[in-house]
Amino acid sequence: MTPLLCLLVIAEITVILVLLFRTPLRRLVMFVLDRLKEGHGPIMSTVGVTLFVVLMSSLYSIVRIQKRSMETGGINPTEHVLLTNHILDSSLMGTFSILFTNL
């Protein structure tokens, strides 16, 4: 999941950089973005809801791991790796959802 989210963030950064400068590529990107947003309302909302559900699932896993570590008094290495992976996924999904809502 993390590599996919990293690729999405890199793609968003490139789109932002293309839109920043006046080049012929900017016109093409604007045209493609306009076509994507036209008439595809339900698809965009479905993607947004799916992203929200996966984000909430990741946040629930983070809370569950933290509660378990408080009960046992410490965190084992496996749970630490899972916790950091969930935190990274959540932060990338949060960034993506913020940028997604601004499109």
PDB file of N, CA and C in Angstrom:
ATOM      1  N   MET A   1       0.819  -1.190   0.000  1.00  0.00           N
ATOM      2  CA  MET A   1       0.000   0.000   0.000  1.00  0.00           C
ATOM      3  C   MET A   1       0.867   1.260   0.000  1.00  0.00           C
ATOM      4  N   THR A   2       1.956   1.220   0.746  1.00  0.00           N
ATOM      5  CA  THR A   2       2.808   2.395   0.850  1.00  0.00           C
ATOM      6  C   THR A   2       3.439   2.784  -0.487  1.00  0.00           C
ATOM      7  N   PRO A   3       3.979   1.826  -1.276  1.00  0.00           N
ATOM      8  CA  PRO A   3       4.545   2.238  -2.569  1.00  0.00           C
ATOM      9  C   PRO A   3       3.523   2.884  -3.496  1.00  0.00           C
ATOM     10  N   LEU A   4       2.282   2.372  -3.467  1.00  0.00           N
ATOM     11  CA  LEU A   4       1.226   2.953  -4.300  1.00  0.00           C
ATOM     12  C   LEU A   4       0.932   4.393  -3.869  1.00  0.00           C
ATOM     13  N   LEU A   5       0.849   4.614  -2.573  1.00  0.00           N
ATOM     14  CA  LEU A   5       0.582   5.962  -2.082  1.00  0.00           C
ATOM     15  C   LEU A   5       1.748   6.909  -2.375  1.00  0.00           C
ATOM     16  N   CYS A   6       2.966   6.392  -2.279  1.00  0.00           N
ATOM     17  CA  CYS A   6       4.128   7.226  -2.618  1.00  0.00           C
ATOM     18  C   CYS A   6       4.098   7.616  -4.094  1.00  0.00           C
ATOM     19  N   LEU A   7       3.720   6.673  -4.950  1.00  0.00           N
ATOM     20  CA  LEU A   7       3.612   6.993  -6.373  1.00  0.00           C
ATOM     21  C   LEU A   7       2.534   8.040  -6.631  1.00  0.00           C
ATOM     22  N   LEU A   8       1.425   7.946  -5.913  1.00  0.00           N
ATOM     23  CA  LEU A   8       0.362   8.946  -6.071  1.00  0.00           C
ATOM     24  C   LEU A   8       0.826  10.331  -5.629  1.00  0.00           C
ATOM     25  N   VAL A   9       1.560  10.394  -4.524  1.00  0.00           N
ATOM     26  CA  VAL A   9       2.061  11.683  -4.051  1.00  0.00           C
ATOM     27  C   VAL A   9       3.062  12.255  -5.050  1.00  0.00           C
ATOM     28  N   ILE A  10       3.931  11.426  -5.595  1.00  0.00           N
ATOM     29  CA  ILE A  10       4.906  11.898  -6.595  1.00  0.00           C
ATOM     30  C   ILE A  10       4.178  12.377  -7.849  1.00  0.00           C
ATOM     31  N   ALA A  11       3.128  11.661  -8.258  1.00  0.00           N
ATOM     32  CA  ALA A  11       2.349  12.090  -9.429  1.00  0.00           C
ATOM     33  C   ALA A  11       1.674  13.428  -9.161  1.00  0.00           C
ATOM     34  N   GLU A  12       1.155  13.618  -7.961  1.00  0.00           N
ATOM     35  CA  GLU A  12       0.521  14.897  -7.625  1.00  0.00           C
ATOM     36  C   GLU A  12       1.543  16.035  -7.618  1.00  0.00           C
ATOM     37  N   ILE A  13       2.725  15.758  -7.127  1.00  0.00           N
ATOM     38  CA  ILE A  13       3.770  16.780  -7.112  1.00  0.00           C
ATOM     39  C   ILE A  13       4.141  17.176  -8.536  1.00  0.00           C
ATOM     40  N   THR A  14       4.234  16.190  -9.427  1.00  0.00           N
ATOM     41  CA  THR A  14       4.571  16.531 -10.815  1.00  0.00           C
ATOM     42  C   THR A  14       3.455  17.334 -11.473  1.00  0.00           C
ATOM     43  N   VAL A  15       2.196  16.992 -11.176  1.00  0.00           N
ATOM     44  CA  VAL A  15       1.080  17.770 -11.739  1.00  0.00           C
ATOM     45  C   VAL A  15       1.122  19.203 -11.205  1.00  0.00           C
ATOM     46  N   ILE A  16       1.403  19.348  -9.922  1.00  0.00           N
ATOM     47  CA  ILE A  16       1.502  20.692  -9.340  1.00  0.00           C
ATOM     48  C   ILE A  16       2.635  21.479  -9.984  1.00  0.00           C
ATOM     49  N   LEU A  17       3.777  20.832 -10.197  1.00  0.00           N
ATOM     50  CA  LEU A  17       4.898  21.531 -10.834  1.00  0.00           C
ATOM     51  C   LEU A  17       4.588  21.893 -12.282  1.00  0.00           C
ATOM     52  N   VAL A  18       3.874  21.015 -12.988  1.00  0.00           N
ATOM     53  CA  VAL A  18       3.502  21.324 -14.374  1.00  0.00           C
ATOM     54  C   VAL A  18       2.538  22.509 -14.405  1.00  0.00           C
ATOM     55  N   LEU A  19       1.606  22.556 -13.450  1.00  0.00           N
ATOM     56  CA  LEU A  19       0.638  23.649 -13.421  1.00  0.00           C
ATOM     57  C   LEU A  19       1.246  24.961 -12.948  1.00  0.00           C
ATOM     58  N   LEU A  20       2.383  24.882 -12.278  1.00  0.00           N
ATOM     59  CA  LEU A  20       3.022  26.100 -11.769  1.00  0.00           C
ATOM     60  C   LEU A  20       3.601  26.968 -12.887  1.00  0.00           C
ATOM     61  N   PHE A  21       4.173  26.340 -13.895  1.00  0.00           N
ATOM     62  CA  PHE A  21       4.874  27.085 -14.942  1.00  0.00           C
ATOM     63  C   PHE A  21       4.073  27.056 -16.240  1.00  0.00           C
ATOM     64  N   ARG A  22       4.135  28.157 -16.966  1.00  0.00           N
ATOM     65  CA  ARG A  22       3.404  28.267 -18.234  1.00  0.00           C
ATOM     66  C   ARG A  22       4.183  27.560 -19.344  1.00  0.00           C
ATOM     67  N   THR A  23       3.786  26.342 -19.609  1.00  0.00           N
ATOM     68  CA  THR A  23       4.384  25.550 -20.676  1.00  0.00           C
ATOM     69  C   THR A  23       3.259  24.950 -21.510  1.00  0.00           C
ATOM     70  N   PRO A  24       3.570  24.429 -22.682  1.00  0.00           N
ATOM     71  CA  PRO A  24       2.521  23.761 -23.470  1.00  0.00           C
ATOM     72  C   PRO A  24       1.944  22.539 -22.746  1.00  0.00           C
ATOM     73  N   LEU A  25       2.746  21.930 -21.901  1.00  0.00           N
ATOM     74  CA  LEU A  25       2.274  20.781 -21.141  1.00  0.00           C
ATOM     75  C   LEU A  25       1.203  21.176 -20.128  1.00  0.00           C
ATOM     76  N   ARG A  26       1.254  22.404 -19.646  1.00  0.00           N
ATOM     77  CA  ARG A  26       0.263  22.889 -18.690  1.00  0.00           C
ATOM     78  C   ARG A  26      -1.134  22.901 -19.319  1.00  0.00           C
ATOM     79  N   ARG A  27      -1.203  23.333 -20.551  1.00  0.00           N
ATOM     80  CA  ARG A  27      -2.494  23.383 -21.243  1.00  0.00           C
ATOM     81  C   ARG A  27      -3.081  21.977 -21.398  1.00  0.00           C
ATOM     82  N   LEU A  28      -2.225  21.021 -21.723  1.00  0.00           N
ATOM     83  CA  LEU A  28      -2.665  19.642 -21.864  1.00  0.00           C
ATOM     84  C   LEU A  28      -3.153  19.080 -20.524  1.00  0.00           C
ATOM     85  N   VAL A  29      -2.429  19.354 -19.454  1.00  0.00           N
ATOM     86  CA  VAL A  29      -2.825  18.869 -18.124  1.00  0.00           C
ATOM     87  C   VAL A  29      -4.142  19.500 -17.700  1.00  0.00           C
ATOM     88  N   MET A  30      -4.318  20.775 -17.967  1.00  0.00           N
ATOM     89  CA  MET A  30      -5.581  21.444 -17.628  1.00  0.00           C
ATOM     90  C   MET A  30      -6.742  20.823 -18.403  1.00  0.00           C
ATOM     91  N   PHE A  31      -6.521  20.515 -19.680  1.00  0.00           N
ATOM     92  CA  PHE A  31      -7.552  19.901 -20.501  1.00  0.00           C
ATOM     93  C   PHE A  31      -7.927  18.519 -19.954  1.00  0.00           C
ATOM     94  N   VAL A  32      -6.919  17.723 -19.587  1.00  0.00           N
ATOM     95  CA  VAL A  32      -7.170  16.382 -19.059  1.00  0.00           C
ATOM     96  C   VAL A  32      -7.905  16.460 -17.725  1.00  0.00           C
ATOM     97  N   LEU A  33      -7.515  17.379 -16.858  1.00  0.00           N
ATOM     98  CA  LEU A  33      -8.191  17.529 -15.566  1.00  0.00           C
ATOM     99  C   LEU A  33      -9.634  17.979 -15.736  1.00  0.00           C
ATOM    100  N   ASP A  34      -9.883  18.866 -16.694  1.00  0.00           N
ATOM    101  CA  ASP A  34     -11.262  19.287 -16.962  1.00  0.00           C
ATOM    102  C   ASP A  34     -12.114  18.119 -17.453  1.00  0.00           C
ATOM    103  N   ARG A  35     -11.537  17.299 -18.307  1.00  0.00           N
ATOM    104  CA  ARG A  35     -12.276  16.146 -18.834  1.00  0.00           C
ATOM    105  C   ARG A  35     -12.536  15.114 -17.740  1.00  0.00           C
ATOM    106  N   LEU A  36     -11.587  14.964 -16.834  1.00  0.00           N
ATOM    107  CA  LEU A  36     -11.777  14.008 -15.746  1.00  0.00           C
ATOM    108  C   LEU A  36     -12.891  14.435 -14.803  1.00  0.00           C
ATOM    109  N   LYS A  37     -13.003  15.726 -14.563  1.00  0.00           N
ATOM    110  CA  LYS A  37     -13.998  16.214 -13.618  1.00  0.00           C
ATOM    111  C   LYS A  37     -15.391  16.326 -14.232  1.00  0.00           C
ATOM    112  N   GLU A  38     -15.483  16.376 -15.556  1.00  0.00           N
ATOM    113  CA  GLU A  38     -16.768  16.519 -16.230  1.00  0.00           C
ATOM    114  C   GLU A  38     -17.538  15.211 -16.202  1.00  0.00           C
ATOM    115  N   GLY A  39     -18.729  15.229 -15.640  1.00  0.00           N
ATOM    116  CA  GLY A  39     -19.625  14.098 -15.724  1.00  0.00           C
ATOM    117  C   GLY A  39     -19.216  12.853 -14.964  1.00  0.00           C
ATOM    118  N   HIS A  40     -18.185  12.919 -14.164  1.00  0.00           N
ATOM    119  CA  HIS A  40     -17.748  11.750 -13.411  1.00  0.00           C
ATOM    120  C   HIS A  40     -17.890  11.981 -11.922  1.00  0.00           C
ATOM    121  N   GLY A  41     -18.963  12.621 -11.523  1.00  0.00           N
ATOM    122  CA  GLY A  41     -19.190  12.920 -10.117  1.00  0.00           C
ATOM    123  C   GLY A  41     -19.259  11.688  -9.232  1.00  0.00           C
ATOM    124  N   PRO A  42     -20.070  10.678  -9.603  1.00  0.00           N
ATOM    125  CA  PRO A  42     -20.166   9.489  -8.743  1.00  0.00           C
ATOM    126  C   PRO A  42     -18.847   8.731  -8.608  1.00  0.00           C
ATOM    127  N   ILE A  43     -18.044   8.717  -9.672  1.00  0.00           N
ATOM    128  CA  ILE A  43     -16.764   8.013  -9.603  1.00  0.00           C
ATOM    129  C   ILE A  43     -15.828   8.717  -8.626  1.00  0.00           C
ATOM    130  N   MET A  44     -15.788  10.046  -8.675  1.00  0.00           N
ATOM    131  CA  MET A  44     -14.923  10.790  -7.772  1.00  0.00           C
ATOM    132  C   MET A  44     -15.358  10.608  -6.328  1.00  0.00           C
ATOM    133  N   SER A  45     -16.665  10.601  -6.080  1.00  0.00           N
ATOM    134  CA  SER A  45     -17.121  10.427  -4.701  1.00  0.00           C
ATOM    135  C   SER A  45     -16.863   9.002  -4.224  1.00  0.00           C
ATOM    136  N   THR A  46     -16.942   8.010  -5.105  1.00  0.00           N
ATOM    137  CA  THR A  46     -16.647   6.633  -4.730  1.00  0.00           C
ATOM    138  C   THR A  46     -15.185   6.486  -4.343  1.00  0.00           C
ATOM    139  N   VAL A  47     -14.299   7.107  -5.102  1.00  0.00           N
ATOM    140  CA  VAL A  47     -12.873   7.068  -4.768  1.00  0.00           C
ATOM    141  C   VAL A  47     -12.630   7.756  -3.431  1.00  0.00           C
ATOM    142  N   GLY A  48     -13.281   8.863  -3.199  1.00  0.00           N
ATOM    143  CA  GLY A  48     -13.125   9.575  -1.935  1.00  0.00           C
ATOM    144  C   GLY A  48     -13.612   8.772  -0.747  1.00  0.00           C
ATOM    145  N   VAL A  49     -14.752   8.110  -0.891  1.00  0.00           N
ATOM    146  CA  VAL A  49     -15.295   7.288   0.201  1.00  0.00           C
ATOM    147  C   VAL A  49     -14.396   6.084   0.455  1.00  0.00           C
ATOM    148  N   THR A  50     -13.895   5.463  -0.600  1.00  0.00           N
ATOM    149  CA  THR A  50     -12.986   4.328  -0.433  1.00  0.00           C
ATOM    150  C   THR A  50     -11.724   4.759   0.296  1.00  0.00           C
ATOM    151  N   LEU A  51     -11.185   5.892  -0.087  1.00  0.00           N
ATOM    152  CA  LEU A  51      -9.996   6.408   0.581  1.00  0.00           C
ATOM    153  C   LEU A  51     -10.272   6.694   2.048  1.00  0.00           C
ATOM    154  N   PHE A  52     -11.438   7.238   2.356  1.00  0.00           N
ATOM    155  CA  PHE A  52     -11.813   7.526   3.735  1.00  0.00           C
ATOM    156  C   PHE A  52     -11.937   6.251   4.557  1.00  0.00           C
ATOM    157  N   VAL A  53     -12.546   5.207   3.996  1.00  0.00           N
ATOM    158  CA  VAL A  53     -12.718   3.941   4.715  1.00  0.00           C
ATOM    159  C   VAL A  53     -11.362   3.294   5.002  1.00  0.00           C
ATOM    160  N   VAL A  54     -10.466   3.294   4.031  1.00  0.00           N
ATOM    161  CA  VAL A  54      -9.139   2.723   4.247  1.00  0.00           C
ATOM    162  C   VAL A  54      -8.363   3.540   5.277  1.00  0.00           C
ATOM    163  N   LEU A  55      -8.512   4.857   5.255  1.00  0.00           N
ATOM    164  CA  LEU A  55      -7.854   5.711   6.242  1.00  0.00           C
ATOM    165  C   LEU A  55      -8.374   5.417   7.641  1.00  0.00           C
ATOM    166  N   MET A  56      -9.680   5.274   7.795  1.00  0.00           N
ATOM    167  CA  MET A  56     -10.251   4.972   9.118  1.00  0.00           C
ATOM    168  C   MET A  56      -9.803   3.596   9.604  1.00  0.00           C
ATOM    169  N   SER A  57      -9.691   2.633   8.704  1.00  0.00           N
ATOM    170  CA  SER A  57      -9.211   1.304   9.076  1.00  0.00           C
ATOM    171  C   SER A  57      -7.769   1.368   9.570  1.00  0.00           C
ATOM    172  N   SER A  58      -6.966   2.146   8.898  1.00  0.00           N
ATOM    173  CA  SER A  58      -5.569   2.302   9.312  1.00  0.00           C
ATOM    174  C   SER A  58      -5.476   2.999  10.666  1.00  0.00           C
ATOM    175  N   LEU A  59      -6.284   4.020  10.872  1.00  0.00           N
ATOM    176  CA  LEU A  59      -6.286   4.716  12.162  1.00  0.00           C
ATOM    177  C   LEU A  59      -6.769   3.797  13.282  1.00  0.00           C
ATOM    178  N   TYR A  60      -7.750   2.945  12.999  1.00  0.00           N
ATOM    179  CA  TYR A  60      -8.229   1.989  13.991  1.00  0.00           C
ATOM    180  C   TYR A  60      -7.121   1.008  14.371  1.00  0.00           C
ATOM    181  N   SER A  61      -6.352   0.561  13.391  1.00  0.00           N
ATOM    182  CA  SER A  61      -5.241  -0.347  13.671  1.00  0.00           C
ATOM    183  C   SER A  61      -4.177   0.328  14.524  1.00  0.00           C
ATOM    184  N   ILE A  62      -3.930   1.604  14.269  1.00  0.00           N
ATOM    185  CA  ILE A  62      -2.960   2.348  15.080  1.00  0.00           C
ATOM    186  C   ILE A  62      -3.416   2.410  16.522  1.00  0.00           C
ATOM    187  N   VAL A  63      -4.667   2.744  16.740  1.00  0.00           N
ATOM    188  CA  VAL A  63      -5.202   2.847  18.105  1.00  0.00           C
ATOM    189  C   VAL A  63      -5.169   1.484  18.790  1.00  0.00           C
ATOM    190  N   ARG A  64      -5.514   0.430  18.069  1.00  0.00           N
ATOM    191  CA  ARG A  64      -5.515  -0.917  18.650  1.00  0.00           C
ATOM    192  C   ARG A  64      -4.110  -1.343  19.072  1.00  0.00           C
ATOM    193  N   ILE A  65      -3.096  -1.047  18.249  1.00  0.00           N
ATOM    194  CA  ILE A  65      -1.718  -1.394  18.596  1.00  0.00           C
ATOM    195  C   ILE A  65      -1.262  -0.584  19.803  1.00  0.00           C
ATOM    196  N   GLN A  66      -1.623   0.705  19.859  1.00  0.00           N
ATOM    197  CA  GLN A  66      -1.221   1.525  21.001  1.00  0.00           C
ATOM    198  C   GLN A  66      -1.887   1.049  22.291  1.00  0.00           C
ATOM    199  N   LYS A  67      -3.167   0.662  22.237  1.00  0.00           N
ATOM    200  CA  LYS A  67      -3.843   0.147  23.430  1.00  0.00           C
ATOM    201  C   LYS A  67      -3.190  -1.142  23.916  1.00  0.00           C
ATOM    202  N   ARG A  68      -2.850  -2.015  22.980  1.00  0.00           N
ATOM    203  CA  ARG A  68      -2.214  -3.275  23.351  1.00  0.00           C
ATOM    204  C   ARG A  68      -0.845  -3.031  23.977  1.00  0.00           C
ATOM    205  N   SER A  69      -0.105  -2.044  23.472  1.00  0.00           N
ATOM    206  CA  SER A  69       1.214  -1.761  24.043  1.00  0.00           C
ATOM    207  C   SER A  69       1.090  -1.145  25.434  1.00  0.00           C
ATOM    208  N   MET A  70       0.013  -0.394  25.687  1.00  0.00           N
ATOM    209  CA  MET A  70      -0.193   0.153  27.029  1.00  0.00           C
ATOM    210  C   MET A  70      -0.548  -0.940  28.025  1.00  0.00           C
ATOM    211  N   GLU A  71      -1.310  -1.943  27.581  1.00  0.00           N
ATOM    212  CA  GLU A  71      -1.683  -3.041  28.470  1.00  0.00           C
ATOM    213  C   GLU A  71      -0.484  -3.889  28.854  1.00  0.00           C
ATOM    214  N   THR A  72       0.387  -4.160  27.885  1.00  0.00           N
ATOM    215  CA  THR A  72       1.538  -5.019  28.158  1.00  0.00           C
ATOM    216  C   THR A  72       2.713  -4.254  28.742  1.00  0.00           C
ATOM    217  N   GLY A  73       2.696  -2.960  28.657  1.00  0.00           N
ATOM    218  CA  GLY A  73       3.776  -2.156  29.215  1.00  0.00           C
ATOM    219  C   GLY A  73       4.906  -1.867  28.246  1.00  0.00           C
ATOM    220  N   GLY A  74       4.849  -2.414  27.074  1.00  0.00           N
ATOM    221  CA  GLY A  74       5.885  -2.164  26.067  1.00  0.00           C
ATOM    222  C   GLY A  74       5.391  -2.602  24.710  1.00  0.00           C
ATOM    223  N   ILE A  75       6.213  -2.342  23.727  1.00  0.00           N
ATOM    224  CA  ILE A  75       5.826  -2.697  22.361  1.00  0.00           C
ATOM    225  C   ILE A  75       6.915  -3.599  21.789  1.00  0.00           C
ATOM    226  N   ASN A  76       6.502  -4.698  21.185  1.00  0.00           N
ATOM    227  CA  ASN A  76       7.497  -5.609  20.609  1.00  0.00           C
ATOM    228  C   ASN A  76       7.895  -5.109  19.213  1.00  0.00           C
ATOM    229  N   PRO A  77       8.999  -5.602  18.675  1.00  0.00           N
ATOM    230  CA  PRO A  77       9.492  -5.087  17.381  1.00  0.00           C
ATOM    231  C   PRO A  77       8.517  -5.264  16.216  1.00  0.00           C
ATOM    232  N   THR A  78       7.763  -6.355  16.219  1.00  0.00           N
ATOM    233  CA  THR A  78       6.814  -6.585  15.130  1.00  0.00           C
ATOM    234  C   THR A  78       5.710  -5.537  15.143  1.00  0.00           C
ATOM    235  N   GLU A  79       5.174  -5.275  16.327  1.00  0.00           N
ATOM    236  CA  GLU A  79       4.135  -4.259  16.435  1.00  0.00           C
ATOM    237  C   GLU A  79       4.686  -2.873  16.116  1.00  0.00           C
ATOM    238  N   HIS A  80       5.955  -2.632  16.449  1.00  0.00           N
ATOM    239  CA  HIS A  80       6.563  -1.337  16.140  1.00  0.00           C
ATOM    240  C   HIS A  80       6.639  -1.124  14.637  1.00  0.00           C
ATOM    241  N   VAL A  81       7.020  -2.165  13.904  1.00  0.00           N
ATOM    242  CA  VAL A  81       7.086  -2.072  12.442  1.00  0.00           C
ATOM    243  C   VAL A  81       5.688  -1.861  11.866  1.00  0.00           C
ATOM    244  N   LEU A  82       4.709  -2.611  12.366  1.00  0.00           N
ATOM    245  CA  LEU A  82       3.331  -2.447  11.887  1.00  0.00           C
ATOM    246  C   LEU A  82       2.803  -1.047  12.194  1.00  0.00           C
ATOM    247  N   LEU A  83       3.128  -0.543  13.384  1.00  0.00           N
ATOM    248  CA  LEU A  83       2.673   0.791  13.772  1.00  0.00           C
ATOM    249  C   LEU A  83       3.259   1.864  12.867  1.00  0.00           C
ATOM    250  N   THR A  84       4.552   1.781  12.603  1.00  0.00           N
ATOM    251  CA  THR A  84       5.158   2.793  11.727  1.00  0.00           C
ATOM    252  C   THR A  84       4.620   2.701  10.308  1.00  0.00           C
ATOM    253  N   ASN A  85       4.345   1.480   9.840  1.00  0.00           N
ATOM    254  CA  ASN A  85       3.780   1.310   8.503  1.00  0.00           C
ATOM    255  C   ASN A  85       2.383   1.921   8.427  1.00  0.00           C
ATOM    256  N   HIS A  86       1.569   1.694   9.457  1.00  0.00           N
ATOM    257  CA  HIS A  86       0.218   2.270   9.481  1.00  0.00           C
ATOM    258  C   HIS A  86       0.272   3.797   9.567  1.00  0.00           C
ATOM    259  N   ILE A  87       1.202   4.321  10.351  1.00  0.00           N
ATOM    260  CA  ILE A  87       1.327   5.781  10.471  1.00  0.00           C
ATOM    261  C   ILE A  87       1.737   6.389   9.134  1.00  0.00           C
ATOM    262  N   LEU A  88       2.679   5.746   8.440  1.00  0.00           N
ATOM    263  CA  LEU A  88       3.101   6.245   7.130  1.00  0.00           C
ATOM    264  C   LEU A  88       1.945   6.186   6.130  1.00  0.00           C
ATOM    265  N   ASP A  89       1.222   5.079   6.117  1.00  0.00           N
ATOM    266  CA  ASP A  89       0.068   4.961   5.212  1.00  0.00           C
ATOM    267  C   ASP A  89      -0.976   6.035   5.511  1.00  0.00           C
ATOM    268  N   SER A  90      -1.259   6.245   6.789  1.00  0.00           N
ATOM    269  CA  SER A  90      -2.270   7.229   7.167  1.00  0.00           C
ATOM    270  C   SER A  90      -1.860   8.640   6.776  1.00  0.00           C
ATOM    271  N   SER A  91      -0.596   8.969   6.981  1.00  0.00           N
ATOM    272  CA  SER A  91      -0.168  10.323   6.630  1.00  0.00           C
ATOM    273  C   SER A  91      -0.197  10.541   5.122  1.00  0.00           C
ATOM    274  N   LEU A  92       0.187   9.530   4.347  1.00  0.00           N
ATOM    275  CA  LEU A  92       0.127   9.670   2.892  1.00  0.00           C
ATOM    276  C   LEU A  92      -1.312   9.732   2.394  1.00  0.00           C
ATOM    277  N   MET A  93      -2.196   8.937   2.997  1.00  0.00           N
ATOM    278  CA  MET A  93      -3.607   8.993   2.598  1.00  0.00           C
ATOM    279  C   MET A  93      -4.234  10.321   2.988  1.00  0.00           C
ATOM    280  N   GLY A  94      -3.849  10.864   4.140  1.00  0.00           N
ATOM    281  CA  GLY A  94      -4.356  12.166   4.547  1.00  0.00           C
ATOM    282  C   GLY A  94      -3.918  13.248   3.584  1.00  0.00           C
ATOM    283  N   THR A  95      -2.646  13.203   3.186  1.00  0.00           N
ATOM    284  CA  THR A  95      -2.134  14.178   2.224  1.00  0.00           C
ATOM    285  C   THR A  95      -2.862  14.040   0.893  1.00  0.00           C
ATOM    286  N   PHE A  96      -3.056  12.797   0.472  1.00  0.00           N
ATOM    287  CA  PHE A  96      -3.738  12.570  -0.795  1.00  0.00           C
ATOM    288  C   PHE A  96      -5.188  13.032  -0.742  1.00  0.00           C
ATOM    289  N   SER A  97      -5.851  12.803   0.392  1.00  0.00           N
ATOM    290  CA  SER A  97      -7.253  13.215   0.478  1.00  0.00           C
ATOM    291  C   SER A  97      -7.391  14.733   0.501  1.00  0.00           C
ATOM    292  N   ILE A  98      -6.446  15.419   1.134  1.00  0.00           N
ATOM    293  CA  ILE A  98      -6.480  16.891   1.125  1.00  0.00           C
ATOM    294  C   ILE A  98      -6.306  17.410  -0.291  1.00  0.00           C
ATOM    295  N   LEU A  99      -5.348  16.854  -1.014  1.00  0.00           N
ATOM    296  CA  LEU A  99      -5.132  17.294  -2.390  1.00  0.00           C
ATOM    297  C   LEU A  99      -6.277  16.862  -3.288  1.00  0.00           C
ATOM    298  N   PHE A 100      -6.873  15.700  -3.004  1.00  0.00           N
ATOM    299  CA  PHE A 100      -7.986  15.197  -3.805  1.00  0.00           C
ATOM    300  C   PHE A 100      -9.216  16.085  -3.673  1.00  0.00           C
ATOM    301  N   THR A 101      -9.478  16.586  -2.484  1.00  0.00           N
ATOM    302  CA  THR A 101     -10.647  17.448  -2.287  1.00  0.00           C
ATOM    303  C   THR A 101     -10.449  18.810  -2.936  1.00  0.00           C
ATOM    304  N   ASN A 102      -9.209  19.231  -3.112  1.00  0.00           N
ATOM    305  CA  ASN A 102      -8.956  20.531  -3.710  1.00  0.00           C
ATOM    306  C   ASN A 102      -9.011  20.500  -5.238  1.00  0.00           C
ATOM    307  N   LEU A 103      -9.044  19.304  -5.833  1.00  0.00           N
ATOM    308  CA  LEU A 103      -9.140  19.236  -7.295  1.00  0.00           C
ATOM    309  C   LEU A 103     -10.467  19.693  -7.715  1.00  0.00           C
TER     310      LEU A 103
END
